[in-house]
């Protein structure tokens, strides 16, 4: 497995995404909130049954930022959440 610490979206600029969506005339956009591999784009306190922290998540709430930014721009929000590898 990859080291989850390698994902650190400090420089992520969702406003830039919105500008791109607007330039192409998009009325909606979809974000993959949880990938099939299990990585989630929001912080969580989830633990496995043995108490081990589930570390495959973003320290930054990208889902909330994406949703809030798109709503301010009148672009419809869609979220994709893969149920594969869903341990909970």
C-alpha atoms as a PDB file:
ATOM      1  CA  UNK A   1       0.000   0.000   0.000  1.00  0.00           C
ATOM      2  CA  UNK A   2       1.042   3.555  -0.598  1.00  0.00           C
ATOM      3  CA  UNK A   3       1.977   5.789   2.301  1.00  0.00           C
ATOM      4  CA  UNK A   4      -1.102   7.959   3.010  1.00  0.00           C
ATOM      5  CA  UNK A   5       1.169  10.747   4.243  1.00  0.00           C
ATOM      6  CA  UNK A   6       2.203  11.356   0.621  1.00  0.00           C
ATOM      7  CA  UNK A   7      -1.209  12.875  -0.051  1.00  0.00           C
ATOM      8  CA  UNK A   8      -1.172  16.382   1.330  1.00  0.00           C
ATOM      9  CA  UNK A   9      -3.318  18.786  -0.692  1.00  0.00           C
ATOM     10  CA  UNK A  10      -2.008  22.044   0.803  1.00  0.00           C
ATOM     11  CA  UNK A  11      -1.753  23.683  -2.620  1.00  0.00           C
ATOM     12  CA  UNK A  12      -5.128  22.468  -3.862  1.00  0.00           C
ATOM     13  CA  UNK A  13      -7.076  25.326  -5.461  1.00  0.00           C
ATOM     14  CA  UNK A  14     -10.688  24.338  -6.021  1.00  0.00           C
ATOM     15  CA  UNK A  15     -11.543  27.873  -7.154  1.00  0.00           C
ATOM     16  CA  UNK A  16      -9.261  27.238 -10.117  1.00  0.00           C
ATOM     17  CA  UNK A  17     -11.285  24.103 -10.922  1.00  0.00           C
ATOM     18  CA  UNK A  18     -14.475  26.191 -10.849  1.00  0.00           C
ATOM     19  CA  UNK A  19     -12.969  28.709 -13.267  1.00  0.00           C
ATOM     20  CA  UNK A  20     -12.211  25.835 -15.636  1.00  0.00           C
ATOM     21  CA  UNK A  21     -15.741  24.417 -15.251  1.00  0.00           C
ATOM     22  CA  UNK A  22     -17.222  27.822 -16.017  1.00  0.00           C
ATOM     23  CA  UNK A  23     -14.976  28.316 -19.059  1.00  0.00           C
ATOM     24  CA  UNK A  24     -16.294  25.114 -20.647  1.00  0.00           C
ATOM     25  CA  UNK A  25     -19.890  25.890 -19.674  1.00  0.00           C
ATOM     26  CA  UNK A  26     -20.307  23.048 -17.182  1.00  0.00           C
ATOM     27  CA  UNK A  27     -23.486  23.162 -15.120  1.00  0.00           C
ATOM     28  CA  UNK A  28     -22.398  20.377 -12.768  1.00  0.00           C
ATOM     29  CA  UNK A  29     -19.247  18.590 -11.597  1.00  0.00           C
ATOM     30  CA  UNK A  30     -18.591  15.285  -9.846  1.00  0.00           C
ATOM     31  CA  UNK A  31     -15.817  14.603  -7.327  1.00  0.00           C
ATOM     32  CA  UNK A  32     -14.666  11.095  -6.419  1.00  0.00           C
ATOM     33  CA  UNK A  33     -15.004  11.420  -2.637  1.00  0.00           C
ATOM     34  CA  UNK A  34     -13.877   7.846  -1.894  1.00  0.00           C
ATOM     35  CA  UNK A  35     -11.975   5.810  -4.431  1.00  0.00           C
ATOM     36  CA  UNK A  36     -12.280   2.048  -4.834  1.00  0.00           C
ATOM     37  CA  UNK A  37      -8.887   1.718  -3.116  1.00  0.00           C
ATOM     38  CA  UNK A  38     -10.454   3.183   0.037  1.00  0.00           C
ATOM     39  CA  UNK A  39      -8.827   6.620   0.076  1.00  0.00           C
ATOM     40  CA  UNK A  40     -11.244   9.302   1.275  1.00  0.00           C
ATOM     41  CA  UNK A  41     -11.111  13.041   0.555  1.00  0.00           C
ATOM     42  CA  UNK A  42     -12.163  14.131   4.032  1.00  0.00           C
ATOM     43  CA  UNK A  43     -10.665  13.759   7.508  1.00  0.00           C
ATOM     44  CA  UNK A  44     -12.011  10.955   9.671  1.00  0.00           C
ATOM     45  CA  UNK A  45     -11.544   9.454  13.109  1.00  0.00           C
ATOM     46  CA  UNK A  46     -12.520   6.006  11.792  1.00  0.00           C
ATOM     47  CA  UNK A  47     -10.675   3.021  13.227  1.00  0.00           C
ATOM     48  CA  UNK A  48     -10.556  -0.646  12.314  1.00  0.00           C
ATOM     49  CA  UNK A  49     -12.110  -3.230  14.655  1.00  0.00           C
ATOM     50  CA  UNK A  50      -8.740  -3.674  16.384  1.00  0.00           C
ATOM     51  CA  UNK A  51      -8.503   0.078  17.111  1.00  0.00           C
ATOM     52  CA  UNK A  52      -5.939   0.851  14.411  1.00  0.00           C
ATOM     53  CA  UNK A  53      -6.635   4.256  12.842  1.00  0.00           C
ATOM     54  CA  UNK A  54      -7.839   4.264   9.238  1.00  0.00           C
ATOM     55  CA  UNK A  55      -5.114   6.504   7.820  1.00  0.00           C
ATOM     56  CA  UNK A  56      -6.220   6.553   4.192  1.00  0.00           C
ATOM     57  CA  UNK A  57      -7.916   9.921   4.239  1.00  0.00           C
ATOM     58  CA  UNK A  58      -7.155  13.535   3.533  1.00  0.00           C
ATOM     59  CA  UNK A  59      -6.197  15.811   6.430  1.00  0.00           C
ATOM     60  CA  UNK A  60      -8.148  18.505   4.561  1.00  0.00           C
ATOM     61  CA  UNK A  61     -11.894  18.280   3.918  1.00  0.00           C
ATOM     62  CA  UNK A  62     -11.739  18.415   0.131  1.00  0.00           C
ATOM     63  CA  UNK A  63     -15.350  17.202  -0.194  1.00  0.00           C
ATOM     64  CA  UNK A  64     -16.709  20.119   1.843  1.00  0.00           C
ATOM     65  CA  UNK A  65     -14.506  22.668   0.092  1.00  0.00           C
ATOM     66  CA  UNK A  66     -15.517  21.305  -3.329  1.00  0.00           C
ATOM     67  CA  UNK A  67     -19.218  21.381  -2.438  1.00  0.00           C
ATOM     68  CA  UNK A  68     -19.126  24.843  -0.869  1.00  0.00           C
ATOM     69  CA  UNK A  69     -17.115  26.375  -3.720  1.00  0.00           C
ATOM     70  CA  UNK A  70     -19.337  24.928  -6.449  1.00  0.00           C
ATOM     71  CA  UNK A  71     -22.550  25.978  -4.689  1.00  0.00           C
ATOM     72  CA  UNK A  72     -21.277  29.575  -4.464  1.00  0.00           C
ATOM     73  CA  UNK A  73     -20.734  29.440  -8.210  1.00  0.00           C
ATOM     74  CA  UNK A  74     -24.192  28.001  -8.978  1.00  0.00           C
ATOM     75  CA  UNK A  75     -22.674  24.773 -10.297  1.00  0.00           C
ATOM     76  CA  UNK A  76     -24.460  21.572  -9.252  1.00  0.00           C
ATOM     77  CA  UNK A  77     -22.418  19.252  -7.053  1.00  0.00           C
ATOM     78  CA  UNK A  78     -22.091  15.522  -7.557  1.00  0.00           C
ATOM     79  CA  UNK A  79     -20.159  13.122  -5.356  1.00  0.00           C
ATOM     80  CA  UNK A  80     -19.034   9.609  -6.220  1.00  0.00           C
ATOM     81  CA  UNK A  81     -18.441   7.209  -3.328  1.00  0.00           C
ATOM     82  CA  UNK A  82     -17.173   3.778  -4.306  1.00  0.00           C
ATOM     83  CA  UNK A  83     -18.683   0.988  -2.237  1.00  0.00           C
ATOM     84  CA  UNK A  84     -15.886  -1.393  -3.197  1.00  0.00           C
ATOM     85  CA  UNK A  85     -13.492  -2.043  -0.300  1.00  0.00           C
ATOM     86  CA  UNK A  86     -16.044  -0.506   2.070  1.00  0.00           C
ATOM     87  CA  UNK A  87     -15.080  -1.945   5.428  1.00  0.00           C
ATOM     88  CA  UNK A  88     -17.668  -0.033   7.454  1.00  0.00           C
END
